[in-house]
Amino acid sequence: MTNSVRHGLATIVDIDLEDGSTDIPNRYRLRVTDNGVGPVGRRLPSGVGMRFLGELSDGSVELGFAPNGGALLEALIRC
């Protein structure tokens, strides 16, 4: 959420968390969309929050443009 507002200038941020896998216990699919300017640059940001998310997801983080503009972040995280 912080990155959406701080870097993407978003005013609306949607967060969805759902059961991510029936094969692997304690995995959840995290999806964050916003109405900001979209991802800046071509690689994942390397701030503390994104590094932490990378650790929780074993590197499965995907960041790109949402279908209606803004950013879309998806990750399969373990809890």
C-alpha atoms as a PDB file:
ATOM      1  CA  MET A   1       0.000   0.000   0.000  1.00  0.00           C
ATOM      2  CA  THR A   2       2.759   2.394   0.893  1.00  0.00           C
ATOM      3  CA  ASN A   3       4.492   1.904  -2.467  1.00  0.00           C
ATOM      4  CA  SER A   4       1.201   2.431  -4.329  1.00  0.00           C
ATOM      5  CA  VAL A   5       0.679   5.800  -2.677  1.00  0.00           C
ATOM      6  CA  ARG A   6       4.284   6.967  -2.375  1.00  0.00           C
ATOM      7  CA  HIS A   7       5.660   5.898  -5.759  1.00  0.00           C
ATOM      8  CA  GLY A   8       2.542   5.344  -7.854  1.00  0.00           C
ATOM      9  CA  LEU A   9       0.538   8.345  -6.617  1.00  0.00           C
ATOM     10  CA  ALA A  10      -2.491   6.085  -6.155  1.00  0.00           C
ATOM     11  CA  THR A  11      -5.661   7.279  -4.440  1.00  0.00           C
ATOM     12  CA  ILE A  12      -7.355   3.851  -4.409  1.00  0.00           C
ATOM     13  CA  VAL A  13      -5.634   0.586  -3.422  1.00  0.00           C
ATOM     14  CA  ASP A  14      -7.407  -2.794  -3.469  1.00  0.00           C
ATOM     15  CA  ILE A  15      -5.940  -5.772  -1.608  1.00  0.00           C
ATOM     16  CA  ASP A  16      -7.133  -9.357  -2.061  1.00  0.00           C
ATOM     17  CA  LEU A  17      -5.856 -12.332  -0.105  1.00  0.00           C
ATOM     18  CA  GLU A  18      -7.180 -15.806  -0.883  1.00  0.00           C
ATOM     19  CA  ASP A  19      -6.230 -19.431  -0.405  1.00  0.00           C
ATOM     20  CA  GLY A  20      -3.509 -19.944  -2.956  1.00  0.00           C
ATOM     21  CA  SER A  21      -2.840 -23.650  -3.211  1.00  0.00           C
ATOM     22  CA  THR A  22      -4.494 -26.918  -2.328  1.00  0.00           C
ATOM     23  CA  ASP A  23      -1.187 -28.746  -2.788  1.00  0.00           C
ATOM     24  CA  ILE A  24       0.921 -26.667  -0.417  1.00  0.00           C
ATOM     25  CA  PRO A  25      -0.493 -25.752   3.006  1.00  0.00           C
ATOM     26  CA  ASN A  26      -0.292 -22.198   4.356  1.00  0.00           C
ATOM     27  CA  ARG A  27       0.044 -20.525   0.935  1.00  0.00           C
ATOM     28  CA  TYR A  28      -2.044 -17.504   0.040  1.00  0.00           C
ATOM     29  CA  ARG A  29      -2.366 -15.490  -3.146  1.00  0.00           C
ATOM     30  CA  LEU A  30      -1.840 -11.779  -2.532  1.00  0.00           C
ATOM     31  CA  ARG A  31      -3.055  -9.358  -5.179  1.00  0.00           C
ATOM     32  CA  VAL A  32      -2.691  -5.583  -4.882  1.00  0.00           C
ATOM     33  CA  THR A  33      -4.108  -3.238  -7.522  1.00  0.00           C
ATOM     34  CA  ASP A  34      -4.193   0.535  -7.562  1.00  0.00           C
ATOM     35  CA  ASN A  35      -5.226   3.473  -9.724  1.00  0.00           C
ATOM     36  CA  GLY A  36      -1.797   5.130  -9.782  1.00  0.00           C
ATOM     37  CA  VAL A  37       0.677   5.729 -12.579  1.00  0.00           C
ATOM     38  CA  GLY A  38       1.820   2.097 -12.671  1.00  0.00           C
ATOM     39  CA  PRO A  39       5.205   0.576 -11.933  1.00  0.00           C
ATOM     40  CA  VAL A  40       8.232   2.808 -12.287  1.00  0.00           C
ATOM     41  CA  GLY A  41      11.141   1.138 -14.071  1.00  0.00           C
ATOM     42  CA  ARG A  42      11.457  -2.370 -15.459  1.00  0.00           C
ATOM     43  CA  ARG A  43      12.524  -4.289 -12.371  1.00  0.00           C
ATOM     44  CA  LEU A  44      11.100  -4.880  -8.938  1.00  0.00           C
ATOM     45  CA  PRO A  45      11.844  -2.189  -6.376  1.00  0.00           C
ATOM     46  CA  SER A  46      14.492  -3.177  -3.859  1.00  0.00           C
ATOM     47  CA  GLY A  47      13.149  -1.463  -0.745  1.00  0.00           C
ATOM     48  CA  VAL A  48      12.652  -3.199   2.588  1.00  0.00           C
ATOM     49  CA  GLY A  49       8.971  -3.993   1.991  1.00  0.00           C
ATOM     50  CA  MET A  50       9.548  -5.555  -1.421  1.00  0.00           C
ATOM     51  CA  ARG A  51      12.521  -7.563  -0.132  1.00  0.00           C
ATOM     52  CA  PHE A  52      10.366  -8.845   2.736  1.00  0.00           C
ATOM     53  CA  LEU A  53       7.591  -9.772   0.297  1.00  0.00           C
ATOM     54  CA  GLY A  54      10.175 -11.530  -1.875  1.00  0.00           C
ATOM     55  CA  GLU A  55      11.241 -13.625   1.123  1.00  0.00           C
ATOM     56  CA  LEU A  56       7.634 -14.517   2.032  1.00  0.00           C
ATOM     57  CA  SER A  57       6.913 -15.545  -1.552  1.00  0.00           C
ATOM     58  CA  ASP A  58      10.172 -17.338  -2.358  1.00  0.00           C
ATOM     59  CA  GLY A  59      10.659 -14.810  -5.162  1.00  0.00           C
ATOM     60  CA  SER A  60       7.252 -15.320  -6.795  1.00  0.00           C
ATOM     61  CA  VAL A  61       6.418 -11.585  -6.849  1.00  0.00           C
ATOM     62  CA  GLU A  62       5.136 -10.172 -10.133  1.00  0.00           C
ATOM     63  CA  LEU A  63       4.697  -6.441 -10.633  1.00  0.00           C
ATOM     64  CA  GLY A  64       3.158  -4.959 -13.756  1.00  0.00           C
ATOM     65  CA  PHE A  65       0.398  -2.785 -15.107  1.00  0.00           C
ATOM     66  CA  ALA A  66      -3.216  -3.473 -14.098  1.00  0.00           C
ATOM     67  CA  PRO A  67      -5.690  -3.994 -16.973  1.00  0.00           C
ATOM     68  CA  ASN A  68      -7.374  -0.634 -16.281  1.00  0.00           C
ATOM     69  CA  GLY A  69      -4.155   1.280 -15.572  1.00  0.00           C
ATOM     70  CA  GLY A  70      -2.231   1.595 -12.341  1.00  0.00           C
ATOM     71  CA  ALA A  71      -0.146  -1.194 -10.864  1.00  0.00           C
ATOM     72  CA  LEU A  72      -0.846  -4.865 -10.272  1.00  0.00           C
ATOM     73  CA  LEU A  73       1.251  -6.864  -7.806  1.00  0.00           C
ATOM     74  CA  GLU A  74       0.732 -10.604  -7.340  1.00  0.00           C
ATOM     75  CA  ALA A  75       2.560 -13.036  -5.087  1.00  0.00           C
ATOM     76  CA  LEU A  76       2.017 -16.492  -3.604  1.00  0.00           C
ATOM     77  CA  ILE A  77       3.047 -16.004   0.024  1.00  0.00           C
ATOM     78  CA  ARG A  78       3.551 -18.448   2.875  1.00  0.00           C
ATOM     79  CA  CYS A  79       2.175 -17.773   6.316  1.00  0.00           C
END
